């Protein structure tokens, strides 16, 4: 990279904490080089209470844009000049673009990346009945994007307390912003009868919780007997790549079992497009950074 950095090189960045494990710098710098773009991407460890300082610094430096990871997503959404429709509904942004006039526009590419990953596996969102487990940041982004992309029905399940109230707010926002959706609601995940019935009548089940992630590989958010062949199952967890939920989905003959690595790739590809106006060499990036 050093040989191509000069006085005109544009800065892009990732802020949040921790960021040392992030694959975004490698993915974006590789793509800049492959596309012949004079830019460099760096990661900066920024605690939540310093979010405003970091955003103002990047604005002052006239960075081309920056990505945002936890715990800075919500705070950043309050600091930018405008938000995309999805980011406004979600209340958080993970991608910020510096416009030519200095305006900061916040986007959220998590949901876009998730939906694109589904399509890569032959699973559509439009017209589908969806059960989403979780009400955290990733779950909210997926829920909002699925509604905007024409899901017929969305059922959210989460334990009461914690971020359950966030799920309730998301339901109300979707009802106002997407009146064409036939039904969107939230229910306690401990109501097993409701959960079983919702999954039985759904086309797609999404695990947007941490259950199944290392070191909880032996755990799963739903009993295997709830799964059925007409169901596609997707997991946001990518470590391990095949979670217990996905393994049991395959054993149950589900029509698809989609892991979380593609979501990482495609949310990054969408951010790259927003930053540069060009397409990321996604297949090369997949082979180089996401191969098993």
Protein backbone atom coordinates (compact mmCIF):
# COMPACT_ATOMS: atom_id res chain seq x y z
CA UNK A 1 0.00 0.00 0.00
CA UNK A 2 2.84 2.41 0.87
CA UNK A 3 3.89 2.77 -2.77
CA UNK A 4 0.51 4.18 -3.76
CA UNK A 5 -0.04 6.63 -0.86
CA UNK A 6 0.58 10.25 -1.86
CA UNK A 7 -0.65 13.76 -1.13
CA UNK A 8 -3.95 13.10 -2.90
CA UNK A 9 -4.78 9.76 -1.25
CA UNK A 10 -8.32 9.84 0.22
CA UNK A 11 -8.88 8.55 3.73
CA UNK A 12 -11.61 6.05 4.62
CA UNK A 13 -11.92 4.55 8.06
CA UNK A 14 -13.62 2.30 10.59
CA UNK A 15 -14.49 3.61 14.05
CA UNK A 16 -15.73 1.69 17.07
CA UNK A 17 -14.32 -0.55 19.78
CA UNK A 18 -12.78 -3.06 19.54
CA UNK A 19 -11.66 -2.90 15.90
CA UNK A 20 -8.44 -4.90 15.98
CA UNK A 21 -10.20 -8.05 14.76
CA UNK A 22 -11.98 -6.35 11.86
CA UNK A 23 -11.46 -7.58 8.31
CA UNK A 24 -12.73 -4.30 6.82
CA UNK A 25 -9.30 -2.65 6.30
CA UNK A 26 -7.97 -5.65 4.37
CA UNK A 27 -11.15 -5.99 2.33
CA UNK A 28 -11.40 -2.32 1.36
CA UNK A 29 -7.68 -1.71 0.75
CA UNK A 30 -7.53 -4.77 -1.49
CA UNK A 31 -10.55 -3.48 -3.41
CA UNK A 32 -9.12 0.04 -3.73
CA UNK A 33 -5.95 -1.42 -5.22
CA UNK A 34 -7.85 -3.72 -7.61
CA UNK A 35 -10.03 -0.84 -8.81
CA UNK A 36 -7.15 1.63 -9.11
CA UNK A 37 -8.66 4.00 -6.54
CA UNK A 38 -6.27 6.37 -4.76
CA UNK A 39 -7.52 5.72 -1.22
CA UNK A 40 -6.53 4.07 2.04
CA UNK A 41 -8.69 2.54 4.77
CA UNK A 42 -7.65 2.53 8.44
CA UNK A 43 -9.28 1.35 11.67
CA UNK A 44 -9.46 3.59 14.75
CA UNK A 45 -10.43 2.28 18.19
CA UNK A 46 -13.01 4.77 19.44
CA UNK A 47 -15.03 4.29 22.66
CA UNK A 48 -18.68 5.34 22.60
CA UNK A 49 -18.08 8.50 24.64
CA UNK A 50 -15.58 9.76 22.02
CA UNK A 51 -17.83 9.14 19.01
CA UNK A 52 -18.58 12.83 18.49
CA UNK A 53 -14.86 13.67 18.58
CA UNK A 54 -14.08 11.00 15.98
CA UNK A 55 -16.89 12.06 13.64
CA UNK A 56 -15.84 15.71 13.88
CA UNK A 57 -12.19 14.78 13.23
CA UNK A 58 -13.11 12.81 10.11
CA UNK A 59 -15.31 15.69 8.96
CA UNK A 60 -12.42 18.13 9.47
CA UNK A 61 -10.05 15.85 7.55
CA UNK A 62 -12.66 15.60 4.77
CA UNK A 63 -12.43 11.82 4.77
CA UNK A 64 -14.21 10.13 1.90
CA UNK A 65 -16.33 8.20 4.35
CA UNK A 66 -16.19 5.80 7.25
CA UNK A 67 -17.74 2.65 8.63
CA UNK A 68 -19.05 2.41 12.17
CA UNK A 69 -19.12 -0.63 14.41
CA UNK A 70 -20.37 -1.10 17.95
CA UNK A 71 -20.74 0.76 20.25
CA UNK A 72 -20.82 3.90 18.09
CA UNK A 73 -23.61 3.18 15.57
CA UNK A 74 -26.51 4.83 17.38
CA UNK A 75 -24.54 7.88 18.45
CA UNK A 76 -23.20 8.39 14.91
CA UNK A 77 -26.74 8.39 13.55
CA UNK A 78 -27.46 11.40 15.78
CA UNK A 79 -24.37 13.26 14.57
CA UNK A 80 -24.61 13.05 10.78
CA UNK A 81 -26.46 15.62 8.67
CA UNK A 82 -28.94 13.23 7.12
CA UNK A 83 -29.88 9.55 7.12
CA UNK A 84 -31.00 7.09 4.47
CA UNK A 85 -34.56 5.79 4.92
CA UNK A 86 -33.31 2.49 6.34
CA UNK A 87 -30.84 4.13 8.74
CA UNK A 88 -33.55 6.49 9.96
CA UNK A 89 -35.90 3.60 10.71
CA UNK A 90 -33.15 1.55 12.35
CA UNK A 91 -31.87 4.51 14.37
CA UNK A 92 -28.26 3.54 13.71
CA UNK A 93 -25.78 3.72 10.85
CA UNK A 94 -22.74 1.65 9.98
CA UNK A 95 -21.64 3.60 6.89
CA UNK A 96 -21.18 7.36 6.50
CA UNK A 97 -20.44 9.06 3.20
CA UNK A 98 -18.83 12.50 2.93
CA UNK A 99 -20.58 14.34 0.11
CA UNK A 100 -18.74 16.88 -2.06
CA UNK A 101 -20.27 19.77 -0.07
CA UNK A 102 -19.12 18.27 3.22
CA UNK A 103 -22.50 16.83 4.17
CA UNK A 104 -22.35 13.58 6.12
CA UNK A 105 -24.97 11.03 5.05
CA UNK A 106 -25.51 7.99 7.24
CA UNK A 107 -26.53 4.62 5.81
CA UNK A 108 -27.04 1.16 7.24
CA UNK A 109 -25.79 -1.62 4.96
CA UNK A 110 -26.24 -4.52 7.41
CA UNK A 111 -29.77 -5.33 6.23
CA UNK A 112 -28.81 -4.86 2.58
CA UNK A 113 -25.89 -7.25 3.03
CA UNK A 114 -28.10 -9.82 4.71
CA UNK A 115 -30.76 -9.71 1.98
CA UNK A 116 -28.11 -9.91 -0.75
CA UNK A 117 -26.59 -12.94 0.95
CA UNK A 118 -30.00 -14.63 0.98
CA UNK A 119 -30.41 -13.98 -2.74
CA UNK A 120 -27.01 -15.52 -3.40
CA UNK A 121 -28.45 -18.70 -1.86
CA UNK A 122 -31.70 -18.56 -3.81
CA UNK A 123 -33.81 -17.17 -0.96
CA UNK A 124 -36.06 -14.16 -1.58
CA UNK A 125 -37.53 -11.76 0.98
CA UNK A 126 -40.35 -10.21 -1.02
CA UNK A 127 -43.70 -11.78 -0.27
CA UNK A 128 -42.24 -14.06 2.41
CA UNK A 129 -43.44 -14.76 5.95
CA UNK A 130 -40.43 -14.25 8.20
CA UNK A 131 -39.58 -15.04 11.81
CA UNK A 132 -36.66 -13.01 13.20
CA UNK A 133 -35.04 -13.94 16.50
CA UNK A 134 -33.51 -10.97 18.30
CA UNK A 135 -33.98 -7.22 18.70
CA UNK A 136 -30.38 -5.99 18.77
CA UNK A 137 -28.61 -3.94 16.13
CA UNK A 138 -28.25 -6.63 13.47
CA UNK A 139 -31.77 -7.90 14.09
CA UNK A 140 -33.23 -4.40 13.74
CA UNK A 141 -31.35 -3.76 10.50
CA UNK A 142 -32.55 -7.07 9.04
CA UNK A 143 -36.13 -6.50 10.19
CA UNK A 144 -36.30 -3.02 8.67
CA UNK A 145 -34.68 -4.04 5.38
CA UNK A 146 -36.98 -7.06 5.05
CA UNK A 147 -40.00 -4.79 5.54
CA UNK A 148 -38.71 -2.24 3.02
CA UNK A 149 -38.01 -5.06 0.53
CA UNK A 150 -41.60 -6.30 0.64
CA UNK A 151 -41.83 -9.07 3.22
CA UNK A 152 -45.45 -10.16 3.63
CA UNK A 153 -45.25 -10.72 7.38
CA UNK A 154 -42.61 -10.36 10.08
CA UNK A 155 -42.74 -11.94 13.52
CA UNK A 156 -40.03 -10.86 15.97
CA UNK A 157 -39.19 -13.01 18.98
CA UNK A 158 -37.00 -11.95 21.89
CA UNK A 159 -36.93 -12.43 25.63
CA UNK A 160 -38.70 -9.70 27.59
CA UNK A 161 -36.45 -7.14 29.19
CA UNK A 162 -33.17 -6.04 27.69
CA UNK A 163 -33.71 -4.85 24.13
CA UNK A 164 -37.35 -6.03 23.90
CA UNK A 165 -38.54 -2.42 24.04
CA UNK A 166 -36.33 -1.68 21.04
CA UNK A 167 -38.22 -4.39 19.16
CA UNK A 168 -41.53 -2.81 20.13
CA UNK A 169 -40.34 0.54 18.77
CA UNK A 170 -39.20 -1.14 15.55
CA UNK A 171 -42.64 -2.69 15.08
CA UNK A 172 -44.32 0.71 15.45
CA UNK A 173 -41.86 2.37 13.06
CA UNK A 174 -42.46 -0.29 10.41
CA UNK A 175 -46.23 -0.04 10.78
CA UNK A 176 -46.02 3.69 10.08
CA UNK A 177 -43.39 3.58 7.33
CA UNK A 178 -44.46 0.40 5.51
CA UNK A 179 -48.28 0.29 5.71
CA UNK A 180 -48.49 -2.36 2.97
CA UNK A 181 -46.99 -5.08 5.18
CA UNK A 182 -49.84 -7.37 6.22
CA UNK A 183 -48.57 -7.99 9.75
CA UNK A 184 -45.57 -7.18 11.91
CA UNK A 185 -45.47 -8.00 15.61
CA UNK A 186 -43.23 -8.95 18.53
CA UNK A 187 -43.65 -11.79 21.01
CA UNK A 188 -41.76 -13.21 23.98
CA UNK A 189 -39.42 -15.97 22.77
CA UNK A 190 -40.29 -17.97 25.90
CA UNK A 191 -43.85 -18.33 24.58
CA UNK A 192 -42.99 -21.62 22.91
CA UNK A 193 -46.49 -22.24 21.55
CA UNK A 194 -46.41 -18.89 19.74
CA UNK A 195 -42.87 -19.49 18.48
CA UNK A 196 -43.67 -22.98 17.19
CA UNK A 197 -46.82 -21.74 15.42
CA UNK A 198 -45.02 -18.77 13.86
CA UNK A 199 -42.20 -20.94 12.49
CA UNK A 200 -44.67 -23.55 11.23
CA UNK A 201 -46.41 -20.86 9.17
CA UNK A 202 -43.27 -19.11 7.93
CA UNK A 203 -41.03 -19.29 4.89
CA UNK A 204 -37.85 -17.95 6.49
CA UNK A 205 -36.33 -18.17 9.98
CA UNK A 206 -33.52 -15.76 10.89
CA UNK A 207 -31.32 -16.11 13.95
CA UNK A 208 -30.02 -12.61 14.75
CA UNK A 209 -28.94 -13.50 18.29
CA UNK A 210 -25.52 -14.64 19.51
CA UNK A 211 -26.73 -18.15 20.34
CA UNK A 212 -24.53 -20.64 18.49
CA UNK A 213 -21.54 -18.29 18.34
CA UNK A 214 -18.22 -19.29 19.89
CA UNK A 215 -18.01 -20.22 22.74
CA UNK A 216 -21.73 -21.15 22.70
CA UNK A 217 -21.49 -23.60 19.79
CA UNK A 218 -23.63 -26.17 21.58
CA UNK A 219 -26.61 -23.81 21.90
CA UNK A 220 -29.44 -23.10 19.48
CA UNK A 221 -32.30 -20.58 19.67
CA UNK A 222 -35.08 -23.00 18.65
CA UNK A 223 -35.70 -26.73 19.12
CA UNK A 224 -34.91 -28.84 16.07
CA UNK A 225 -38.48 -30.17 15.95
CA UNK A 226 -39.75 -26.67 15.04
CA UNK A 227 -37.91 -26.81 11.71
CA UNK A 228 -39.61 -28.07 8.54
CA UNK A 229 -38.69 -28.68 4.87
CA UNK A 230 -40.55 -25.62 3.59
CA UNK A 231 -38.41 -23.35 5.74
CA UNK A 232 -35.24 -21.49 4.79
CA UNK A 233 -32.97 -20.85 7.79
CA UNK A 234 -30.37 -18.08 8.01
CA UNK A 235 -27.92 -17.25 10.78
CA UNK A 236 -26.00 -14.00 11.31
CA UNK A 237 -23.37 -15.94 13.27
CA UNK A 238 -20.22 -16.63 11.23
CA UNK A 239 -17.95 -18.19 13.85
CA UNK A 240 -18.47 -21.10 13.56
CA UNK A 241 -19.62 -20.97 9.97
CA UNK A 242 -22.01 -23.88 10.48
CA UNK A 243 -23.87 -23.31 13.71
CA UNK A 244 -25.90 -25.96 15.47
CA UNK A 245 -29.05 -24.28 14.10
CA UNK A 246 -27.82 -24.60 10.52
CA UNK A 247 -26.68 -28.18 11.04
CA UNK A 248 -30.10 -29.12 12.40
CA UNK A 249 -31.79 -27.23 9.56
CA UNK A 250 -29.94 -29.40 7.05
CA UNK A 251 -30.86 -32.54 8.98
CA UNK A 252 -34.53 -31.43 8.95
CA UNK A 253 -34.42 -31.04 5.16
CA UNK A 254 -34.93 -27.27 5.19
CA UNK A 255 -34.81 -25.75 1.72
CA UNK A 256 -31.81 -23.56 2.59
CA UNK A 257 -29.30 -23.10 5.43
CA UNK A 258 -27.42 -19.79 5.06
CA UNK A 259 -24.44 -18.84 7.26
CA UNK A 260 -23.39 -15.34 8.27
CA UNK A 261 -20.17 -14.88 6.29
CA UNK A 262 -21.94 -13.62 3.17
CA UNK A 263 -23.64 -10.87 5.15
CA UNK A 264 -20.19 -9.53 6.10
CA UNK A 265 -19.07 -9.60 2.48
CA UNK A 266 -22.15 -7.94 0.99
CA UNK A 267 -22.59 -5.23 3.62
CA UNK A 268 -18.97 -4.32 2.94
CA UNK A 269 -19.57 -4.38 -0.81
CA UNK A 270 -22.51 -2.00 -0.43
CA UNK A 271 -20.40 0.35 1.71
CA UNK A 272 -17.67 0.27 -0.96
CA UNK A 273 -20.23 1.20 -3.63
CA UNK A 274 -21.49 4.09 -1.51
CA UNK A 275 -17.93 5.28 -0.88
CA UNK A 276 -16.62 5.05 -4.44
CA UNK A 277 -19.50 4.64 -6.89
CA UNK A 278 -17.82 1.44 -8.07
CA UNK A 279 -18.54 -2.22 -7.42
CA UNK A 280 -16.26 -4.10 -5.07
CA UNK A 281 -14.56 -7.11 -6.74
CA UNK A 282 -16.73 -9.24 -4.47
CA UNK A 283 -15.86 -12.66 -5.84
CA UNK A 284 -12.15 -11.97 -5.50
CA UNK A 285 -12.70 -10.67 -1.97
CA UNK A 286 -14.76 -13.75 -1.14
CA UNK A 287 -12.02 -16.10 -2.34
CA UNK A 288 -9.25 -14.14 -0.65
CA UNK A 289 -10.81 -13.35 2.72
CA UNK A 290 -13.86 -15.58 3.21
CA UNK A 291 -12.81 -18.96 1.80
CA UNK A 292 -13.15 -21.87 4.21
